[in-house]
Amino acid sequence: MMKLHHSFLEANNGVDVCQKFLKIWDRWKPSTQVVLVVASEMKKLQKHKDHLRINLTKVEDEVIVLCDENILDKENWRLTNLIQKCHILDSGGKHSNRSIKGQNLKRKSSMCPKEGSPIEKKMDFSDAARSPRKPLSPLLHNK
């Protein structure tokens, strides 16, 4: 581990502090070298911990947003069902043309795909600007 840190100092010889440490490295006792190595590792771990905290905060915020969206989706579904029930009650319990069409189990095929067909509704990930949902935020890379 000490050779690794010595090579780090050699690689960063252009930095004044590294240059000073490199000049006096051999004069230090092994215990002092170990202390410097441990301090260096601690600094790296602190930076790593800070990145993890930032990433965790971003993820927690996104989870809150996704939960809110999920609640809204469920509420929209409930309201849609309620509206459909109200339409049936308003019609005196008679089936509307739309509900009668729903009873026809045969599919009608057509030569060209309709606007509402699954082919037309396929997801296009090439243009993220048109997407109704924002993409997840980028996470910081831990080095």
Protein backbone atom coordinates (compact mmCIF):
# COMPACT_ATOMS: atom_id res chain seq x y z
CA MET A 1 0.00 0.00 0.00
CA MET A 2 2.88 2.36 0.76
CA LYS A 3 4.41 1.80 -2.68
CA LEU A 4 1.05 2.70 -4.19
CA HIS A 5 1.00 6.04 -2.39
CA HIS A 6 4.65 6.68 -3.21
CA SER A 7 3.86 6.08 -6.89
CA PHE A 8 0.87 8.43 -6.54
CA LEU A 9 3.21 11.15 -5.28
CA GLU A 10 5.58 10.46 -8.19
CA ALA A 11 2.74 10.63 -10.71
CA ASN A 12 1.59 13.98 -9.29
CA ASN A 13 5.08 15.44 -9.01
CA GLY A 14 3.85 18.66 -10.68
CA VAL A 15 1.74 19.52 -7.63
CA ASP A 16 3.75 21.45 -5.05
CA VAL A 17 2.49 19.53 -2.03
CA CYS A 18 3.15 16.16 -3.68
CA GLN A 19 6.62 17.31 -4.68
CA LYS A 20 7.41 18.33 -1.08
CA PHE A 21 6.08 15.04 0.30
CA LEU A 22 8.08 13.09 -2.28
CA LYS A 23 11.33 14.84 -1.30
CA ILE A 24 10.95 14.05 2.39
CA TRP A 25 9.17 10.66 2.06
CA ASP A 26 12.30 8.61 2.74
CA ARG A 27 13.17 10.67 5.82
CA TRP A 28 9.89 9.84 7.52
CA LYS A 29 9.59 6.92 9.85
CA PRO A 30 7.45 4.02 8.59
CA SER A 31 4.85 4.87 11.22
CA THR A 32 4.57 8.42 9.83
CA GLN A 33 4.23 7.01 6.32
CA VAL A 34 1.44 4.72 7.52
CA VAL A 35 -0.34 7.68 9.10
CA LEU A 36 -0.17 9.58 5.81
CA VAL A 37 -1.45 6.55 3.90
CA VAL A 38 -4.35 6.15 6.32
CA ALA A 39 -5.15 9.88 6.10
CA SER A 40 -5.14 9.66 2.31
CA GLU A 41 -7.48 6.65 2.36
CA MET A 42 -9.75 8.43 4.82
CA LYS A 43 -9.98 11.46 2.50
CA LYS A 44 -10.92 9.19 -0.43
CA LEU A 45 -13.57 7.44 1.65
CA GLN A 46 -14.99 10.79 2.77
CA LYS A 47 -15.36 11.89 -0.86
CA HIS A 48 -16.97 8.52 -1.70
CA LYS A 49 -19.39 8.92 1.23
CA ASP A 50 -20.35 12.43 0.09
CA HIS A 51 -21.14 11.15 -3.42
CA LEU A 52 -23.25 8.35 -1.95
CA ARG A 53 -25.20 10.82 0.20
CA ILE A 54 -25.88 13.06 -2.81
CA ASN A 55 -27.00 10.08 -4.89
CA LEU A 56 -29.20 8.79 -2.07
CA THR A 57 -30.89 12.18 -1.71
CA LYS A 58 -31.59 12.31 -5.46
CA VAL A 59 -33.02 8.80 -5.44
CA GLU A 60 -35.21 9.53 -2.41
CA ASP A 61 -36.61 12.63 -4.15
CA GLU A 62 -37.35 10.62 -7.29
CA VAL A 63 -39.09 7.90 -5.25
CA ILE A 64 -41.36 10.56 -3.74
CA VAL A 65 -42.20 11.88 -7.22
CA LEU A 66 -42.89 8.37 -8.55
CA CYS A 67 -45.12 7.57 -5.57
CA ASP A 68 -47.07 10.79 -6.16
CA GLU A 69 -47.45 9.88 -9.85
CA ASN A 70 -48.64 6.40 -8.87
CA ILE A 71 -51.23 7.87 -6.49
CA LEU A 72 -52.44 10.22 -9.23
CA ASP A 73 -52.68 7.33 -11.71
CA LYS A 74 -54.80 5.31 -9.26
CA GLU A 75 -57.04 8.32 -8.60
CA ASN A 76 -57.45 8.93 -12.35
CA TRP A 77 -58.40 5.28 -12.85
CA ARG A 78 -60.95 5.50 -10.00
CA LEU A 79 -62.46 8.71 -11.40
CA THR A 80 -62.66 7.23 -14.91
CA ASN A 81 -64.56 4.23 -13.56
CA LEU A 82 -66.84 6.53 -11.58
CA ILE A 83 -67.61 8.59 -14.71
CA GLN A 84 -68.39 5.43 -16.69
CA LYS A 85 -70.77 4.26 -13.95
CA CYS A 86 -72.45 7.69 -13.92
CA HIS A 87 -72.94 7.52 -17.70
CA ILE A 88 -74.61 4.12 -17.37
CA LEU A 89 -76.87 5.39 -14.57
CA ASP A 90 -77.73 8.56 -16.56
CA SER A 91 -78.81 6.45 -19.51
CA GLY A 92 -81.35 4.69 -17.31
CA GLY A 93 -79.36 1.49 -17.09
CA LYS A 94 -79.53 1.00 -20.84
CA HIS A 95 -76.35 0.14 -22.63
CA SER A 96 -74.96 2.86 -24.79
CA ASN A 97 -73.66 2.22 -28.29
CA ARG A 98 -70.18 2.13 -26.86
CA SER A 99 -71.01 -0.64 -24.40
CA ILE A 100 -72.83 -2.64 -27.10
CA LYS A 101 -69.76 -2.43 -29.32
CA GLY A 102 -67.73 -3.78 -26.41
CA GLN A 103 -69.88 -6.93 -26.44
CA ASN A 104 -68.80 -7.78 -29.98
CA LEU A 105 -65.92 -10.19 -29.45
CA LYS A 106 -64.75 -10.34 -33.07
CA ARG A 107 -61.91 -8.10 -34.09
CA LYS A 108 -62.11 -6.17 -37.28
CA SER A 109 -58.93 -6.25 -39.27
CA SER A 110 -57.86 -3.52 -41.60
CA MET A 111 -55.14 -3.23 -44.22
CA CYS A 112 -53.61 -0.07 -42.77
CA PRO A 113 -52.95 0.47 -39.08
CA LYS A 114 -55.31 2.87 -37.34
CA GLU A 115 -54.13 5.85 -35.36
CA GLY A 116 -54.88 4.13 -32.06
CA SER A 117 -53.22 0.84 -32.98
CA PRO A 118 -50.35 -0.59 -30.91
CA ILE A 119 -48.03 0.00 -33.86
CA GLU A 120 -48.72 3.72 -33.73
CA LYS A 121 -48.42 3.78 -29.94
CA LYS A 122 -44.97 2.20 -29.82
CA MET A 123 -42.54 4.01 -27.56
CA ASP A 124 -39.97 6.21 -29.22
CA PHE A 125 -36.97 6.77 -26.96
CA SER A 126 -35.06 8.79 -29.54
CA ASP A 127 -36.65 12.13 -28.62
CA ALA A 128 -36.63 12.57 -24.85
CA ALA A 129 -37.86 16.18 -25.11
CA ARG A 130 -41.36 15.00 -26.15
CA SER A 131 -41.59 12.54 -23.29
CA PRO A 132 -44.21 13.46 -20.65
CA ARG A 133 -41.93 12.22 -17.89
CA LYS A 134 -38.50 13.58 -17.17
CA PRO A 135 -35.68 11.00 -17.12
CA LEU A 136 -34.05 10.05 -13.85
CA SER A 137 -31.33 12.40 -12.76
CA PRO A 138 -27.75 11.32 -13.42
CA LEU A 139 -25.87 9.95 -10.45
CA LEU A 140 -22.37 11.03 -9.49
CA HIS A 141 -19.68 8.46 -10.17
CA ASN A 142 -17.63 7.35 -7.22
CA LYS A 143 -13.95 7.12 -7.97
